[in-house]
Amino acid sequence: MRIISGPVQDGTAGKIGSQFTGTAFPYLTMAATDGVTINTVNFTPGARTFWHQHEKGQILQVLAGRGLIQVEGEEAPRVLHAGDTIWCPPGEKHWHGAAPDSFMTHTAISLGATQWAEPVAEPDYTKIPSPRKEQL
């Protein structure tokens, strides 16, 4: 068993800005342990991840603010709110980040390796978000 106290972090998750557009502050809550990595990321307005996918999936827990998420092939991003939990299945290419006018903080629990791809194009990010048809 390992308990990680709130003020204790394992460092930053990679080079700040290396997998993000805009300003994001990724904190490595738990370095890879048995194929699981936990990061908490503070996104400034407009900041977002690059497109990426996870070998065994990813769980996102939105802690504060408002954000966006989009899966490859969807017409537009979907809105995220504090309290939302999202499951991204293995191999599903997606991106997530803050809304243009809001900060967002989330905890990302990544299972297996993460494969990073290209930045999200500005026209894709600025599309009007899809209305929420279901709970994420």
Protein backbone atom coordinates (compact mmCIF):
# COMPACT_ATOMS: atom_id res chain seq x y z
CA MET A 1 0.00 0.00 0.00
CA ARG A 2 1.11 3.54 -0.68
CA ILE A 3 -0.56 6.68 0.64
CA ILE A 4 0.28 9.90 -1.18
CA SER A 5 -0.49 12.94 0.97
CA GLY A 6 -2.16 15.89 -0.72
CA PRO A 7 0.82 18.26 -0.52
CA VAL A 8 3.24 15.53 -1.69
CA GLN A 9 3.62 15.04 -5.44
CA ASP A 10 6.03 12.91 -7.47
CA GLY A 11 6.99 15.97 -9.57
CA THR A 12 5.77 17.38 -12.88
CA ALA A 13 4.39 15.09 -15.56
CA GLY A 14 6.85 15.55 -18.41
CA LYS A 15 7.99 18.92 -19.68
CA ILE A 16 5.36 21.59 -19.15
CA GLY A 17 3.94 22.42 -22.57
CA SER A 18 5.25 19.30 -24.32
CA GLN A 19 1.78 17.74 -24.73
CA PHE A 20 -0.37 20.83 -24.31
CA THR A 21 -1.52 23.87 -26.24
CA GLY A 22 -1.70 26.91 -23.98
CA THR A 23 -0.61 26.97 -20.36
CA ALA A 24 -1.23 23.85 -18.31
CA PHE A 25 0.40 22.75 -15.08
CA PRO A 26 0.61 18.93 -14.88
CA TYR A 27 1.54 17.48 -11.51
CA LEU A 28 2.55 13.85 -11.23
CA THR A 29 0.49 12.60 -8.30
CA MET A 30 1.70 9.02 -8.68
CA ALA A 31 4.43 7.91 -11.07
CA ALA A 32 3.72 4.78 -13.12
CA THR A 33 2.93 1.99 -10.67
CA ASP A 34 1.73 -1.37 -12.01
CA GLY A 35 0.81 0.35 -15.30
CA VAL A 36 -1.21 3.13 -13.66
CA THR A 37 -0.19 6.82 -13.69
CA ILE A 38 -2.11 9.56 -11.87
CA ASN A 39 -1.73 13.23 -12.81
CA THR A 40 -3.54 16.32 -11.63
CA VAL A 41 -3.58 19.05 -14.27
CA ASN A 42 -4.50 22.72 -13.86
CA PHE A 43 -5.52 24.17 -17.24
CA THR A 44 -5.72 27.92 -17.85
CA PRO A 45 -8.53 29.17 -20.14
CA GLY A 46 -8.02 27.77 -23.64
CA ALA A 47 -5.35 25.26 -22.62
CA ARG A 48 -5.81 21.65 -23.73
CA THR A 49 -3.99 18.40 -24.33
CA PHE A 50 -2.81 17.22 -27.71
CA TRP A 51 -4.79 14.39 -29.28
CA HIS A 52 -3.83 11.14 -27.54
CA GLN A 53 -4.96 7.63 -26.63
CA HIS A 54 -4.31 5.19 -23.81
CA GLU A 55 -3.34 1.57 -24.06
CA LYS A 56 -5.83 0.42 -21.40
CA GLY A 57 -8.05 3.49 -21.04
CA GLN A 58 -8.24 6.61 -18.90
CA ILE A 59 -10.46 7.95 -16.14
CA LEU A 60 -10.84 11.72 -15.78
CA GLN A 61 -12.32 13.38 -12.70
CA VAL A 62 -13.09 17.08 -13.11
CA LEU A 63 -12.36 18.78 -9.79
CA ALA A 64 -12.99 22.44 -10.60
CA GLY A 65 -14.00 24.73 -13.44
CA ARG A 66 -15.43 23.97 -16.85
CA GLY A 67 -13.77 22.16 -19.72
CA LEU A 68 -14.15 20.44 -23.05
CA ILE A 69 -13.50 16.93 -24.31
CA GLN A 70 -13.72 15.48 -27.80
CA VAL A 71 -13.34 12.01 -29.26
CA GLU A 72 -11.94 11.64 -32.77
CA GLY A 73 -14.80 11.50 -35.25
CA GLU A 74 -17.24 13.54 -33.12
CA GLU A 75 -18.56 16.70 -34.76
CA ALA A 76 -17.75 18.98 -31.80
CA PRO A 77 -16.39 18.84 -28.25
CA ARG A 78 -18.60 18.19 -25.22
CA VAL A 79 -18.71 20.36 -22.11
CA LEU A 80 -17.29 19.12 -18.80
CA HIS A 81 -18.23 20.42 -15.35
CA ALA A 82 -16.78 20.04 -11.85
CA GLY A 83 -17.94 16.68 -10.49
CA ASP A 84 -17.98 14.89 -13.87
CA THR A 85 -16.19 11.55 -14.24
CA ILE A 86 -15.27 10.39 -17.74
CA TRP A 87 -14.19 6.95 -18.99
CA CYS A 88 -12.10 6.93 -22.17
CA PRO A 89 -11.89 3.33 -23.44
CA PRO A 90 -8.60 1.76 -24.57
CA GLY A 91 -7.38 3.13 -27.91
CA GLU A 92 -9.98 5.92 -28.13
CA LYS A 93 -8.23 9.02 -29.54
CA HIS A 94 -9.32 12.14 -27.68
CA TRP A 95 -8.32 15.48 -26.18
CA HIS A 96 -9.48 17.44 -23.14
CA GLY A 97 -8.84 20.80 -21.53
CA ALA A 98 -10.29 24.04 -20.22
CA ALA A 99 -13.10 25.95 -21.90
CA PRO A 100 -12.01 29.19 -23.61
CA ASP A 101 -13.40 31.27 -20.72
CA SER A 102 -12.73 29.04 -17.69
CA PHE A 103 -9.96 27.39 -15.76
CA MET A 104 -10.27 23.63 -15.22
CA THR A 105 -8.56 21.17 -12.90
CA HIS A 106 -8.83 17.43 -13.35
CA THR A 107 -7.24 14.26 -12.10
CA ALA A 108 -6.30 11.85 -14.88
CA ILE A 109 -5.85 8.17 -14.10
CA SER A 110 -4.11 6.65 -17.11
CA LEU A 111 -3.95 2.89 -17.58
CA GLY A 112 -1.02 1.55 -19.59
CA ALA A 113 1.04 3.60 -22.02
CA THR A 114 -0.15 6.92 -23.48
CA GLN A 115 0.41 7.56 -27.17
CA TRP A 116 0.60 11.29 -27.92
CA ALA A 117 -0.36 12.67 -31.35
CA GLU A 118 -0.77 16.10 -32.95
CA PRO A 119 -2.05 19.32 -31.35
CA VAL A 120 -5.78 20.05 -31.58
CA ALA A 121 -6.40 22.42 -34.49
CA GLU A 122 -7.87 25.77 -33.45
CA PRO A 123 -11.01 25.31 -35.63
CA ASP A 124 -11.71 21.98 -33.84
CA TYR A 125 -11.25 23.56 -30.40
CA THR A 126 -13.48 26.56 -31.14
CA LYS A 127 -16.45 24.62 -32.55
CA ILE A 128 -19.63 25.17 -30.60
CA PRO A 129 -19.82 22.34 -28.04
CA SER A 130 -22.38 19.60 -28.49
CA PRO A 131 -25.32 19.72 -26.08
CA ARG A 132 -25.13 17.10 -23.32
CA LYS A 133 -27.33 14.20 -24.36
CA GLU A 134 -26.09 11.78 -21.71
CA GLN A 135 -24.12 11.64 -18.54
CA LEU A 136 -20.45 11.11 -19.36
